[in-house]
PDB file of N, CA and C in Angstrom:
ATOM      1  N   MET A   1     -11.968  27.741  -1.956  1.00  0.00           N
ATOM      2  CA  MET A   1     -11.333  26.765  -2.730  1.00  0.00           C
ATOM      3  C   MET A   1     -10.568  27.265  -3.958  1.00  0.00           C
ATOM      4  N   SER A   2      -9.240  26.872  -3.706  1.00  0.00           N
ATOM      5  CA  SER A   2      -8.406  27.100  -4.731  1.00  0.00           C
ATOM      6  C   SER A   2      -8.879  26.254  -6.318  1.00  0.00           C
ATOM      7  N   THR A   3      -8.680  27.195  -7.682  1.00  0.00           N
ATOM      8  CA  THR A   3      -8.649  25.993  -8.493  1.00  0.00           C
ATOM      9  C   THR A   3      -7.824  25.157  -8.655  1.00  0.00           C
ATOM     10  N   GLU A   4      -6.473  25.699  -7.760  1.00  0.00           N
ATOM     11  CA  GLU A   4      -5.545  24.211  -7.636  1.00  0.00           C
ATOM     12  C   GLU A   4      -5.983  22.974  -7.169  1.00  0.00           C
ATOM     13  N   ALA A   5      -7.056  23.114  -5.889  1.00  0.00           N
ATOM     14  CA  ALA A   5      -7.418  22.135  -5.030  1.00  0.00           C
ATOM     15  C   ALA A   5      -8.264  21.621  -5.251  1.00  0.00           C
ATOM     16  N   ASP A   6      -9.436  22.466  -6.461  1.00  0.00           N
ATOM     17  CA  ASP A   6     -10.568  21.950  -7.270  1.00  0.00           C
ATOM     18  C   ASP A   6      -9.517  20.734  -8.451  1.00  0.00           C
ATOM     19  N   GLU A   7      -8.640  21.106  -8.642  1.00  0.00           N
ATOM     20  CA  GLU A   7      -8.279  20.085 -10.455  1.00  0.00           C
ATOM     21  C   GLU A   7      -8.008  19.132  -9.207  1.00  0.00           C
ATOM     22  N   LEU A   8      -7.154  18.925  -8.114  1.00  0.00           N
ATOM     23  CA  LEU A   8      -6.308  17.812  -7.726  1.00  0.00           C
ATOM     24  C   LEU A   8      -7.283  16.880  -7.222  1.00  0.00           C
ATOM     25  N   VAL A   9      -8.380  17.730  -6.866  1.00  0.00           N
ATOM     26  CA  VAL A   9      -9.768  16.497  -5.991  1.00  0.00           C
ATOM     27  C   VAL A   9     -10.455  15.768  -7.469  1.00  0.00           C
ATOM     28  N   HIS A  10     -10.734  16.398  -8.381  1.00  0.00           N
ATOM     29  CA  HIS A  10     -11.082  16.228  -9.992  1.00  0.00           C
ATOM     30  C   HIS A  10     -10.194  14.881 -10.832  1.00  0.00           C
ATOM     31  N   ASP A  11      -8.447  15.514 -10.421  1.00  0.00           N
ATOM     32  CA  ASP A  11      -8.152  13.952 -11.164  1.00  0.00           C
ATOM     33  C   ASP A  11      -7.655  12.832 -10.735  1.00  0.00           C
ATOM     34  N   VAL A  12      -7.901  12.723  -9.233  1.00  0.00           N
ATOM     35  CA  VAL A  12      -7.650  11.406  -8.630  1.00  0.00           C
ATOM     36  C   VAL A  12      -8.549  10.934  -8.093  1.00  0.00           C
ATOM     37  N   SER A  13      -8.757   9.762  -7.803  1.00  0.00           N
ATOM     38  CA  SER A  13      -9.766   9.173  -7.211  1.00  0.00           C
ATOM     39  C   SER A  13      -9.761   9.073  -5.307  1.00  0.00           C
ATOM     40  N   LEU A  14     -10.296   9.774  -4.524  1.00  0.00           N
ATOM     41  CA  LEU A  14      -9.899   9.626  -3.319  1.00  0.00           C
ATOM     42  C   LEU A  14     -10.798   8.895  -2.524  1.00  0.00           C
ATOM     43  N   PRO A  15     -10.132   8.398  -1.812  1.00  0.00           N
ATOM     44  CA  PRO A  15     -10.801   6.939  -0.487  1.00  0.00           C
ATOM     45  C   PRO A  15     -11.823   7.889   0.526  1.00  0.00           C
ATOM     46  N   PRO A  16     -12.629   7.232   0.934  1.00  0.00           N
ATOM     47  CA  PRO A  16     -13.446   7.772   1.503  1.00  0.00           C
ATOM     48  C   PRO A  16     -13.293   8.735   3.378  1.00  0.00           C
ATOM     49  N   GLY A  17     -13.029   9.728   3.686  1.00  0.00           N
ATOM     50  CA  GLY A  17     -12.691   9.783   4.712  1.00  0.00           C
ATOM     51  C   GLY A  17     -11.778  10.565   4.627  1.00  0.00           C
ATOM     52  N   PRO A  18     -10.599  11.736   5.608  1.00  0.00           N
ATOM     53  CA  PRO A  18     -10.279  12.495   5.995  1.00  0.00           C
ATOM     54  C   PRO A  18      -8.521  12.148   4.943  1.00  0.00           C
ATOM     55  N   VAL A  19      -7.876  13.007   3.970  1.00  0.00           N
ATOM     56  CA  VAL A  19      -7.015  12.357   2.894  1.00  0.00           C
ATOM     57  C   VAL A  19      -6.104  14.148   3.164  1.00  0.00           C
ATOM     58  N   ILE A  20      -4.796  13.924   2.984  1.00  0.00           N
ATOM     59  CA  ILE A  20      -3.806  15.326   2.544  1.00  0.00           C
ATOM     60  C   ILE A  20      -3.615  14.705   1.263  1.00  0.00           C
ATOM     61  N   LEU A  21      -3.545  16.186   0.574  1.00  0.00           N
ATOM     62  CA  LEU A  21      -3.484  16.274  -1.272  1.00  0.00           C
ATOM     63  C   LEU A  21      -2.133  17.584  -1.094  1.00  0.00           C
ATOM     64  N   SER A  22      -1.549  16.870  -2.126  1.00  0.00           N
ATOM     65  CA  SER A  22      -0.187  18.089  -2.187  1.00  0.00           C
ATOM     66  C   SER A  22      -0.298  18.417  -3.743  1.00  0.00           C
ATOM     67  N   SER A  23       0.427  19.756  -3.700  1.00  0.00           N
ATOM     68  CA  SER A  23       0.624  19.377  -5.525  1.00  0.00           C
ATOM     69  C   SER A  23       2.508  19.805  -5.733  1.00  0.00           C
ATOM     70  N   GLY A  24       2.552  19.315  -6.661  1.00  0.00           N
ATOM     71  CA  GLY A  24       4.112  19.007  -6.938  1.00  0.00           C
ATOM     72  C   GLY A  24       4.122  17.256  -6.397  1.00  0.00           C
ATOM     73  N   ASN A  25       5.827  17.087  -7.137  1.00  0.00           N
ATOM     74  CA  ASN A  25       5.930  15.289  -6.474  1.00  0.00           C
ATOM     75  C   ASN A  25       6.122  15.318  -5.042  1.00  0.00           C
ATOM     76  N   SER A  26       5.837  14.166  -4.743  1.00  0.00           N
ATOM     77  CA  SER A  26       5.809  13.969  -2.999  1.00  0.00           C
ATOM     78  C   SER A  26       7.123  14.630  -2.188  1.00  0.00           C
ATOM     79  N   TYR A  27       8.496  14.833  -3.023  1.00  0.00           N
ATOM     80  CA  TYR A  27       9.545  15.363  -2.521  1.00  0.00           C
ATOM     81  C   TYR A  27       9.788  16.665  -2.528  1.00  0.00           C
ATOM     82  N   ASP A  28       9.391  17.327  -3.153  1.00  0.00           N
ATOM     83  CA  ASP A  28       8.987  19.177  -2.885  1.00  0.00           C
ATOM     84  C   ASP A  28       7.199  19.524  -3.276  1.00  0.00           C
ATOM     85  N   ALA A  29       6.870  19.369  -2.761  1.00  0.00           N
ATOM     86  CA  ALA A  29       5.524  19.594  -3.091  1.00  0.00           C
ATOM     87  C   ALA A  29       5.744  20.806  -2.439  1.00  0.00           C
ATOM     88  N   THR A  30       4.941  21.805  -3.152  1.00  0.00           N
ATOM     89  CA  THR A  30       4.635  23.622  -2.686  1.00  0.00           C
ATOM     90  C   THR A  30       3.297  23.736  -1.804  1.00  0.00           C
ATOM     91  N   SER A  31       2.826  23.041  -2.022  1.00  0.00           N
ATOM     92  CA  SER A  31       1.576  23.266  -1.082  1.00  0.00           C
ATOM     93  C   SER A  31       0.317  21.805  -0.958  1.00  0.00           C
ATOM     94  N   PHE A  32      -0.378  22.186   0.313  1.00  0.00           N
ATOM     95  CA  PHE A  32      -1.061  20.843   0.399  1.00  0.00           C
ATOM     96  C   PHE A  32      -2.682  21.417   1.060  1.00  0.00           C
ATOM     97  N   PHE A  33      -3.178  20.059   0.840  1.00  0.00           N
ATOM     98  CA  PHE A  33      -5.017  20.631   0.687  1.00  0.00           C
ATOM     99  C   PHE A  33      -5.357  19.317   1.556  1.00  0.00           C
ATOM    100  N   LEU A  34      -6.367  19.776   2.345  1.00  0.00           N
ATOM    101  CA  LEU A  34      -7.089  17.968   3.111  1.00  0.00           C
ATOM    102  C   LEU A  34      -8.677  18.091   2.390  1.00  0.00           C
ATOM    103  N   ALA A  35      -8.758  16.662   1.904  1.00  0.00           N
ATOM    104  CA  ALA A  35     -10.590  16.515   2.085  1.00  0.00           C
ATOM    105  C   ALA A  35     -10.410  15.508   2.269  1.00  0.00           C
ATOM    106  N   VAL A  36     -12.030  15.887   2.384  1.00  0.00           N
ATOM    107  CA  VAL A  36     -12.914  14.772   3.413  1.00  0.00           C
ATOM    108  C   VAL A  36     -14.040  14.307   2.175  1.00  0.00           C
ATOM    109  N   ASP A  37     -14.097  12.859   2.020  1.00  0.00           N
ATOM    110  CA  ASP A  37     -15.265  12.805   0.729  1.00  0.00           C
ATOM    111  C   ASP A  37     -15.479  13.517  -0.337  1.00  0.00           C
ATOM    112  N   GLN A  38     -13.826  13.430  -0.805  1.00  0.00           N
ATOM    113  CA  GLN A  38     -14.213  14.255  -2.308  1.00  0.00           C
ATOM    114  C   GLN A  38     -14.444  15.439  -2.316  1.00  0.00           C
ATOM    115  N   GLN A  39     -14.340  15.953  -1.023  1.00  0.00           N
ATOM    116  CA  GLN A  39     -14.734  18.005  -0.909  1.00  0.00           C
ATOM    117  C   GLN A  39     -13.210  18.748  -0.295  1.00  0.00           C
ATOM    118  N   VAL A  40     -12.644  19.444  -0.824  1.00  0.00           N
ATOM    119  CA  VAL A  40     -11.710  20.070  -0.298  1.00  0.00           C
ATOM    120  C   VAL A  40     -12.097  20.776   0.699  1.00  0.00           C
ATOM    121  N   VAL A  41     -11.928  20.529   2.079  1.00  0.00           N
ATOM    122  CA  VAL A  41     -12.084  21.472   3.318  1.00  0.00           C
ATOM    123  C   VAL A  41     -11.334  22.639   4.214  1.00  0.00           C
ATOM    124  N   ILE A  42      -9.823  22.439   3.611  1.00  0.00           N
ATOM    125  CA  ILE A  42      -8.698  23.329   4.083  1.00  0.00           C
ATOM    126  C   ILE A  42      -7.986  23.213   3.106  1.00  0.00           C
ATOM    127  N   SER A  43      -7.586  24.542   2.435  1.00  0.00           N
ATOM    128  CA  SER A  43      -7.205  24.751   1.236  1.00  0.00           C
ATOM    129  C   SER A  43      -5.484  25.783   1.913  1.00  0.00           C
ATOM    130  N   ALA A  44      -5.166  25.199   0.837  1.00  0.00           N
ATOM    131  CA  ALA A  44      -3.478  26.289   1.549  1.00  0.00           C
ATOM    132  C   ALA A  44      -3.055  26.379   2.910  1.00  0.00           C
ATOM    133  N   VAL A  45      -2.608  24.711   2.698  1.00  0.00           N
ATOM    134  CA  VAL A  45      -2.125  24.554   4.240  1.00  0.00           C
ATOM    135  C   VAL A  45      -0.715  24.661   3.803  1.00  0.00           C
ATOM    136  N   PRO A  46       0.271  25.354   4.904  1.00  0.00           N
ATOM    137  CA  PRO A  46       1.290  25.702   4.293  1.00  0.00           C
ATOM    138  C   PRO A  46       2.799  24.613   4.314  1.00  0.00           C
ATOM    139  N   ASP A  47       2.631  23.552   5.802  1.00  0.00           N
ATOM    140  CA  ASP A  47       3.397  22.293   5.174  1.00  0.00           C
ATOM    141  C   ASP A  47       3.093  21.080   5.279  1.00  0.00           C
ATOM    142  N   PHE A  48       4.007  20.276   5.470  1.00  0.00           N
ATOM    143  CA  PHE A  48       3.403  18.516   5.570  1.00  0.00           C
ATOM    144  C   PHE A  48       3.089  18.721   7.121  1.00  0.00           C
ATOM    145  N   HIS A  49       3.841  18.758   7.815  1.00  0.00           N
ATOM    146  CA  HIS A  49       3.649  19.032   9.433  1.00  0.00           C
ATOM    147  C   HIS A  49       2.378  19.746   9.998  1.00  0.00           C
ATOM    148  N   THR A  50       1.795  20.828   8.868  1.00  0.00           N
ATOM    149  CA  THR A  50       0.460  21.285   9.465  1.00  0.00           C
ATOM    150  C   THR A  50      -0.765  20.595   8.622  1.00  0.00           C
ATOM    151  N   ALA A  51      -0.123  20.313   7.890  1.00  0.00           N
ATOM    152  CA  ALA A  51      -1.457  19.364   7.064  1.00  0.00           C
ATOM    153  C   ALA A  51      -1.559  17.804   7.659  1.00  0.00           C
ATOM    154  N   LEU A  52      -0.962  17.155   8.367  1.00  0.00           N
ATOM    155  CA  LEU A  52      -0.362  15.791   9.245  1.00  0.00           C
ATOM    156  C   LEU A  52      -1.391  16.270  10.497  1.00  0.00           C
ATOM    157  N   ALA A  53      -1.285  17.552  11.162  1.00  0.00           N
ATOM    158  CA  ALA A  53      -1.934  17.826  12.207  1.00  0.00           C
ATOM    159  C   ALA A  53      -3.372  18.587  11.981  1.00  0.00           C
ATOM    160  N   ALA A  54      -3.388  18.842  10.906  1.00  0.00           N
ATOM    161  CA  ALA A  54      -5.236  18.821  10.455  1.00  0.00           C
ATOM    162  C   ALA A  54      -5.504  17.727  10.565  1.00  0.00           C
ATOM    163  N   LEU A  55      -4.996  17.066   9.781  1.00  0.00           N
ATOM    164  CA  LEU A  55      -5.750  15.580   9.351  1.00  0.00           C
ATOM    165  C   LEU A  55      -6.429  14.843  10.944  1.00  0.00           C
ATOM    166  N   PHE A  56      -5.171  14.706  11.614  1.00  0.00           N
ATOM    167  CA  PHE A  56      -5.738  14.223  12.776  1.00  0.00           C
ATOM    168  C   PHE A  56      -6.703  14.920  13.796  1.00  0.00           C
ATOM    169  N   ALA A  57      -6.814  16.338  13.056  1.00  0.00           N
ATOM    170  CA  ALA A  57      -8.150  16.668  14.300  1.00  0.00           C
ATOM    171  C   ALA A  57      -9.063  16.380  13.562  1.00  0.00           C
ATOM    172  N   LEU A  58      -9.018  16.460  12.033  1.00  0.00           N
ATOM    173  CA  LEU A  58      -9.814  16.337  11.485  1.00  0.00           C
ATOM    174  C   LEU A  58     -10.947  15.008  11.952  1.00  0.00           C
ATOM    175  N   TYR A  59     -10.260  13.854  12.101  1.00  0.00           N
ATOM    176  CA  TYR A  59     -10.496  12.583  12.480  1.00  0.00           C
ATOM    177  C   TYR A  59     -10.876  12.797  13.818  1.00  0.00           C
ATOM    178  N   PHE A  60     -10.434  13.378  14.654  1.00  0.00           N
ATOM    179  CA  PHE A  60     -10.951  13.436  16.022  1.00  0.00           C
ATOM    180  C   PHE A  60     -12.445  14.246  15.801  1.00  0.00           C
ATOM    181  N   THR A  61     -12.118  15.233  15.878  1.00  0.00           N
ATOM    182  CA  THR A  61     -13.100  16.470  15.314  1.00  0.00           C
ATOM    183  C   THR A  61     -14.551  15.994  15.351  1.00  0.00           C
ATOM    184  N   PHE A  62     -14.509  15.516  14.151  1.00  0.00           N
ATOM    185  CA  PHE A  62     -15.833  14.771  13.256  1.00  0.00           C
ATOM    186  C   PHE A  62     -16.117  12.999  13.778  1.00  0.00           C
ATOM    187  N   ASN A  63     -15.296  12.864  14.706  1.00  0.00           N
ATOM    188  CA  ASN A  63     -15.442  11.206  15.223  1.00  0.00           C
ATOM    189  C   ASN A  63     -15.851  10.086  13.847  1.00  0.00           C
ATOM    190  N   ILE A  64     -14.527  10.598  12.966  1.00  0.00           N
ATOM    191  CA  ILE A  64     -14.725   9.491  11.881  1.00  0.00           C
ATOM    192  C   ILE A  64     -13.413   8.460  12.511  1.00  0.00           C
ATOM    193  N   SER A  65     -13.521   6.941  11.626  1.00  0.00           N
ATOM    194  CA  SER A  65     -12.503   6.151  11.691  1.00  0.00           C
ATOM    195  C   SER A  65     -11.444   5.749  11.082  1.00  0.00           C
ATOM    196  N   TYR A  66     -10.460   5.168  11.394  1.00  0.00           N
ATOM    197  CA  TYR A  66      -9.330   5.266  10.353  1.00  0.00           C
ATOM    198  C   TYR A  66      -9.734   4.244   9.160  1.00  0.00           C
ATOM    199  N   LEU A  67      -9.551   4.346   7.789  1.00  0.00           N
ATOM    200  CA  LEU A  67      -9.895   3.286   7.276  1.00  0.00           C
ATOM    201  C   LEU A  67      -9.234   2.264   7.514  1.00  0.00           C
ATOM    202  N   PRO A  68      -9.838   1.138   7.413  1.00  0.00           N
ATOM    203  CA  PRO A  68      -8.980  -0.663   7.453  1.00  0.00           C
ATOM    204  C   PRO A  68      -7.435  -0.514   6.964  1.00  0.00           C
ATOM    205  N   ARG A  69      -7.690  -0.440   5.702  1.00  0.00           N
ATOM    206  CA  ARG A  69      -5.932  -0.294   4.881  1.00  0.00           C
ATOM    207  C   ARG A  69      -5.049   0.286   5.962  1.00  0.00           C
ATOM    208  N   LEU A  70      -5.360   1.678   6.064  1.00  0.00           N
ATOM    209  CA  LEU A  70      -4.423   2.684   7.056  1.00  0.00           C
ATOM    210  C   LEU A  70      -4.301   2.540   8.412  1.00  0.00           C
ATOM    211  N   GLU A  71      -5.140   1.752   9.233  1.00  0.00           N
ATOM    212  CA  GLU A  71      -5.762   1.516  10.914  1.00  0.00           C
ATOM    213  C   GLU A  71      -3.974   1.515  11.837  1.00  0.00           C
ATOM    214  N   CYS A  72      -3.332   0.715  11.037  1.00  0.00           N
ATOM    215  CA  CYS A  72      -2.235   0.403  11.908  1.00  0.00           C
ATOM    216  C   CYS A  72      -1.391   1.123  11.843  1.00  0.00           C
ATOM    217  N   SER A  73      -0.957   2.092  10.823  1.00  0.00           N
ATOM    218  CA  SER A  73      -0.042   3.291  10.267  1.00  0.00           C
ATOM    219  C   SER A  73      -0.441   4.614  11.078  1.00  0.00           C
ATOM    220  N   MET A  74      -1.982   4.533  10.780  1.00  0.00           N
ATOM    221  CA  MET A  74      -2.578   5.842  11.574  1.00  0.00           C
ATOM    222  C   MET A  74      -2.612   5.755  13.072  1.00  0.00           C
ATOM    223  N   GLU A  75      -2.826   4.636  13.723  1.00  0.00           N
ATOM    224  CA  GLU A  75      -2.653   4.350  15.071  1.00  0.00           C
ATOM    225  C   GLU A  75      -1.281   4.780  15.642  1.00  0.00           C
ATOM    226  N   PHE A  76      -0.284   3.811  14.850  1.00  0.00           N
ATOM    227  CA  PHE A  76       1.336   4.211  15.398  1.00  0.00           C
ATOM    228  C   PHE A  76       1.663   5.550  15.275  1.00  0.00           C
ATOM    229  N   ILE A  77       1.039   6.169  14.924  1.00  0.00           N
ATOM    230  CA  ILE A  77       1.278   7.793  14.317  1.00  0.00           C
ATOM    231  C   ILE A  77       0.312   8.360  15.485  1.00  0.00           C
ATOM    232  N   GLN A  78      -0.722   8.299  15.874  1.00  0.00           N
ATOM    233  CA  GLN A  78      -1.237   8.817  17.143  1.00  0.00           C
ATOM    234  C   GLN A  78      -0.838   8.304  18.115  1.00  0.00           C
ATOM    235  N   ARG A  79      -0.142   7.386  18.377  1.00  0.00           N
ATOM    236  CA  ARG A  79       0.237   6.947  19.870  1.00  0.00           C
ATOM    237  C   ARG A  79       1.927   7.051  19.736  1.00  0.00           C
ATOM    238  N   CYS A  80       2.460   7.289  18.987  1.00  0.00           N
ATOM    239  CA  CYS A  80       4.162   7.228  19.094  1.00  0.00           C
ATOM    240  C   CYS A  80       4.374   8.731  18.856  1.00  0.00           C
ATOM    241  N   PHE A  81       3.926   9.390  18.006  1.00  0.00           N
ATOM    242  CA  PHE A  81       3.931  10.632  17.624  1.00  0.00           C
ATOM    243  C   PHE A  81       3.138  11.910  17.975  1.00  0.00           C
ATOM    244  N   LEU A  82       1.909  11.624  17.857  1.00  0.00           N
ATOM    245  CA  LEU A  82       0.951  12.589  18.620  1.00  0.00           C
ATOM    246  C   LEU A  82       0.467  12.096  19.948  1.00  0.00           C
ATOM    247  N   ASN A  83       1.380  11.060  20.692  1.00  0.00           N
ATOM    248  CA  ASN A  83       1.239  10.792  22.218  1.00  0.00           C
ATOM    249  C   ASN A  83      -0.410  11.075  22.401  1.00  0.00           C
ATOM    250  N   ILE A  84      -1.359  10.566  21.556  1.00  0.00           N
ATOM    251  CA  ILE A  84      -2.810  10.377  21.934  1.00  0.00           C
ATOM    252  C   ILE A  84      -2.874   8.719  22.530  1.00  0.00           C
ATOM    253  N   ASN A  85      -3.036   8.745  23.597  1.00  0.00           N
ATOM    254  CA  ASN A  85      -2.632   7.233  23.941  1.00  0.00           C
ATOM    255  C   ASN A  85      -4.043   6.668  24.388  1.00  0.00           C
ATOM    256  N   HIS A  86      -4.835   7.739  25.085  1.00  0.00           N
ATOM    257  CA  HIS A  86      -6.111   6.823  25.689  1.00  0.00           C
ATOM    258  C   HIS A  86      -7.325   6.234  25.086  1.00  0.00           C
ATOM    259  N   VAL A  87      -7.865   5.200  25.560  1.00  0.00           N
ATOM    260  CA  VAL A  87      -8.579   4.104  24.861  1.00  0.00           C
ATOM    261  C   VAL A  87      -9.506   4.913  24.264  1.00  0.00           C
ATOM    262  N   GLY A  88      -9.977   5.762  24.818  1.00  0.00           N
ATOM    263  CA  GLY A  88     -11.198   6.729  24.005  1.00  0.00           C
ATOM    264  C   GLY A  88     -10.938   7.178  22.915  1.00  0.00           C
ATOM    265  N   HIS A  89      -9.529   6.929  22.484  1.00  0.00           N
ATOM    266  CA  HIS A  89      -9.046   8.279  21.340  1.00  0.00           C
ATOM    267  C   HIS A  89      -9.201   7.103  20.167  1.00  0.00           C
ATOM    268  N   TYR A  90      -9.402   5.611  20.436  1.00  0.00           N
ATOM    269  CA  TYR A  90      -8.837   4.511  19.274  1.00  0.00           C
ATOM    270  C   TYR A  90      -9.664   5.282  18.288  1.00  0.00           C
ATOM    271  N   LYS A  91      -9.367   4.755  16.856  1.00  0.00           N
ATOM    272  CA  LYS A  91      -9.952   5.380  16.000  1.00  0.00           C
ATOM    273  C   LYS A  91     -10.256   4.413  14.819  1.00  0.00           C
ATOM    274  N   GLY A  92      -9.945   3.362  15.185  1.00  0.00           N
ATOM    275  CA  GLY A  92     -10.278   1.914  14.034  1.00  0.00           C
ATOM    276  C   GLY A  92     -11.176   1.049  14.557  1.00  0.00           C
ATOM    277  N   LYS A  93     -11.140  -0.020  13.593  1.00  0.00           N
ATOM    278  CA  LYS A  93     -12.529  -1.017  13.957  1.00  0.00           C
ATOM    279  C   LYS A  93     -11.672  -2.289  14.128  1.00  0.00           C
ATOM    280  N   LYS A  94     -10.175  -2.428  14.571  1.00  0.00           N
ATOM    281  CA  LYS A  94      -9.859  -3.508  14.702  1.00  0.00           C
ATOM    282  C   LYS A  94     -10.154  -4.198  16.054  1.00  0.00           C
ATOM    283  N   LYS A  95     -10.054  -5.462  16.654  1.00  0.00           N
ATOM    284  CA  LYS A  95     -10.077  -5.759  18.055  1.00  0.00           C
ATOM    285  C   LYS A  95      -8.568  -5.046  18.730  1.00  0.00           C
ATOM    286  N   ARG A  96      -8.767  -4.410  19.855  1.00  0.00           N
ATOM    287  CA  ARG A  96      -7.855  -3.707  20.330  1.00  0.00           C
ATOM    288  C   ARG A  96      -7.956  -4.766  21.388  1.00  0.00           C
ATOM    289  N   SER A  97      -6.204  -4.433  22.240  1.00  0.00           N
ATOM    290  CA  SER A  97      -5.724  -4.719  23.387  1.00  0.00           C
ATOM    291  C   SER A  97      -6.362  -4.539  24.443  1.00  0.00           C
ATOM    292  N   ASN A  98      -6.363  -5.099  26.108  1.00  0.00           N
ATOM    293  CA  ASN A  98      -6.704  -4.532  27.187  1.00  0.00           C
ATOM    294  C   ASN A  98      -5.402  -3.308  27.637  1.00  0.00           C
ATOM    295  N   ILE A  99      -4.334  -3.209  27.014  1.00  0.00           N
ATOM    296  CA  ILE A  99      -3.641  -2.252  26.940  1.00  0.00           C
ATOM    297  C   ILE A  99      -3.459  -1.222  26.344  1.00  0.00           C
ATOM    298  N   GLY A 100      -4.103  -0.107  26.837  1.00  0.00           N
ATOM    299  CA  GLY A 100      -4.109   1.061  26.656  1.00  0.00           C
ATOM    300  C   GLY A 100      -5.088   0.969  25.325  1.00  0.00           C
ATOM    301  N   GLY A 101      -6.232  -0.337  24.931  1.00  0.00           N
ATOM    302  CA  GLY A 101      -6.410   0.079  23.754  1.00  0.00           C
ATOM    303  C   GLY A 101      -5.874   0.049  22.365  1.00  0.00           C
ATOM    304  N   ALA A 102      -5.234  -0.314  22.423  1.00  0.00           N
ATOM    305  CA  ALA A 102      -3.940  -0.889  20.975  1.00  0.00           C
ATOM    306  C   ALA A 102      -3.926  -1.900  20.383  1.00  0.00           C
ATOM    307  N   THR A 103      -3.758  -1.541  19.318  1.00  0.00           N
ATOM    308  CA  THR A 103      -3.789  -3.324  18.216  1.00  0.00           C
ATOM    309  C   THR A 103      -2.216  -4.093  18.388  1.00  0.00           C
ATOM    310  N   ALA A 104      -2.769  -4.866  18.337  1.00  0.00           N
ATOM    311  CA  ALA A 104      -1.500  -6.248  19.171  1.00  0.00           C
ATOM    312  C   ALA A 104      -0.626  -5.508  17.860  1.00  0.00           C
ATOM    313  N   LYS A 105      -0.407  -5.573  16.611  1.00  0.00           N
ATOM    314  CA  LYS A 105       0.912  -5.118  15.539  1.00  0.00           C
ATOM    315  C   LYS A 105       1.416  -3.697  16.010  1.00  0.00           C
ATOM    316  N   VAL A 106       0.225  -2.765  16.637  1.00  0.00           N
ATOM    317  CA  VAL A 106       0.747  -1.909  17.472  1.00  0.00           C
ATOM    318  C   VAL A 106       1.402  -1.837  18.435  1.00  0.00           C
ATOM    319  N   LEU A 107       0.778  -2.868  19.210  1.00  0.00           N
ATOM    320  CA  LEU A 107       1.572  -2.765  20.581  1.00  0.00           C
ATOM    321  C   LEU A 107       3.401  -3.404  20.296  1.00  0.00           C
ATOM    322  N   SER A 108       3.111  -4.157  19.273  1.00  0.00           N
ATOM    323  CA  SER A 108       4.368  -5.155  19.028  1.00  0.00           C
ATOM    324  C   SER A 108       5.527  -4.243  18.401  1.00  0.00           C
ATOM    325  N   LEU A 109       5.265  -3.642  17.467  1.00  0.00           N
ATOM    326  CA  LEU A 109       6.204  -2.655  17.057  1.00  0.00           C
ATOM    327  C   LEU A 109       6.838  -1.811  18.314  1.00  0.00           C
ATOM    328  N   VAL A 110       5.785  -1.160  18.832  1.00  0.00           N
ATOM    329  CA  VAL A 110       6.214   0.059  20.020  1.00  0.00           C
ATOM    330  C   VAL A 110       7.208  -0.853  20.726  1.00  0.00           C
ATOM    331  N   LYS A 111       7.293  -1.819  21.164  1.00  0.00           N
ATOM    332  CA  LYS A 111       7.729  -2.743  21.926  1.00  0.00           C
ATOM    333  C   LYS A 111       9.014  -2.831  21.579  1.00  0.00           C
ATOM    334  N   GLN A 112       9.200  -3.556  19.919  1.00  0.00           N
ATOM    335  CA  GLN A 112      10.467  -3.463  19.056  1.00  0.00           C
ATOM    336  C   GLN A 112      11.161  -2.143  18.887  1.00  0.00           C
ATOM    337  N   LEU A 113      10.790  -1.143  18.937  1.00  0.00           N
ATOM    338  CA  LEU A 113      11.545  -0.318  18.388  1.00  0.00           C
ATOM    339  C   LEU A 113      11.868  -0.048  20.140  1.00  0.00           C
ATOM    340  N   LYS A 114      10.960   0.287  21.768  1.00  0.00           N
ATOM    341  CA  LYS A 114      11.650   0.483  22.437  1.00  0.00           C
ATOM    342  C   LYS A 114      12.903  -0.343  22.749  1.00  0.00           C
ATOM    343  N   ASN A 115      13.235  -1.531  22.179  1.00  0.00           N
ATOM    344  CA  ASN A 115      13.839  -2.753  22.595  1.00  0.00           C
ATOM    345  C   ASN A 115      15.034  -2.510  21.281  1.00  0.00           C
ATOM    346  N   PHE A 116      14.888  -1.997  20.706  1.00  0.00           N
ATOM    347  CA  PHE A 116      15.977  -1.489  19.535  1.00  0.00           C
ATOM    348  C   PHE A 116      17.162  -0.638  19.809  1.00  0.00           C
ATOM    349  N   ASP A 117      18.205  -1.204  19.810  1.00  0.00           N
ATOM    350  CA  ASP A 117      19.758  -1.175  19.801  1.00  0.00           C
ATOM    351  C   ASP A 117      20.586  -0.811  18.903  1.00  0.00           C
ATOM    352  N   ALA A 118      20.641   0.538  18.221  1.00  0.00           N
ATOM    353  CA  ALA A 118      21.394   1.316  17.011  1.00  0.00           C
ATOM    354  C   ALA A 118      22.520   0.370  17.341  1.00  0.00           C
ATOM    355  N   LYS A 119      23.177   0.309  18.600  1.00  0.00           N
ATOM    356  CA  LYS A 119      24.740   0.138  18.060  1.00  0.00           C
ATOM    357  C   LYS A 119      24.818  -1.152  18.350  1.00  0.00           C
ATOM    358  N   LYS A 120      23.945  -2.457  18.436  1.00  0.00           N
ATOM    359  CA  LYS A 120      24.218  -3.667  17.736  1.00  0.00           C
ATOM    360  C   LYS A 120      23.642  -3.734  16.320  1.00  0.00           C
ATOM    361  N   TRP A 121      23.077  -2.661  15.532  1.00  0.00           N
ATOM    362  CA  TRP A 121      22.520  -2.921  14.509  1.00  0.00           C
ATOM    363  C   TRP A 121      24.111  -2.470  13.496  1.00  0.00           C
ATOM    364  N   ASP A 122      23.381  -3.768  12.724  1.00  0.00           N
ATOM    365  CA  ASP A 122      25.002  -3.748  11.509  1.00  0.00           C
ATOM    366  C   ASP A 122      24.533  -3.325  10.362  1.00  0.00           C
ATOM    367  N   CYS A 123      24.761  -2.378   9.413  1.00  0.00           N
ATOM    368  CA  CYS A 123      23.927  -1.710   8.318  1.00  0.00           C
ATOM    369  C   CYS A 123      24.913  -2.262   7.208  1.00  0.00           C
ATOM    370  N   SER A 124      26.189  -2.833   7.381  1.00  0.00           N
ATOM    371  CA  SER A 124      27.199  -3.031   6.110  1.00  0.00           C
ATOM    372  C   SER A 124      26.867  -3.844   5.189  1.00  0.00           C
ATOM    373  N   LEU A 125      26.974  -4.084   4.127  1.00  0.00           N
ATOM    374  CA  LEU A 125      26.707  -5.427   3.313  1.00  0.00           C
ATOM    375  C   LEU A 125      27.743  -6.093   3.302  1.00  0.00           C
TER     376      LEU A 125
END
């Protein structure tokens, strides 16, 4: 594990479960790390996309539930961007629907996105 990763873990209070850490600011981070329960488990991840893939791999490999405050966001990324939609792959604790095992909030957002017509959207001030 690198010294930079050690410093990141000790400088911030991390939530339980898998998290992505970065060095530098949010817009031009130079390196990424993954930690689980205050311990860096993967260091020197080259880019954010790889870090995100590794984050989901940690959740599924170790059968870790999503944190309640991140549950809807993580489920949305899981279902819409990673295309993991099976009922058995739900990692949250909230009540799921009978339609694909998703939460009602995620199903509603997905439906709204599918029905969104960019041509009718007026972003002028």
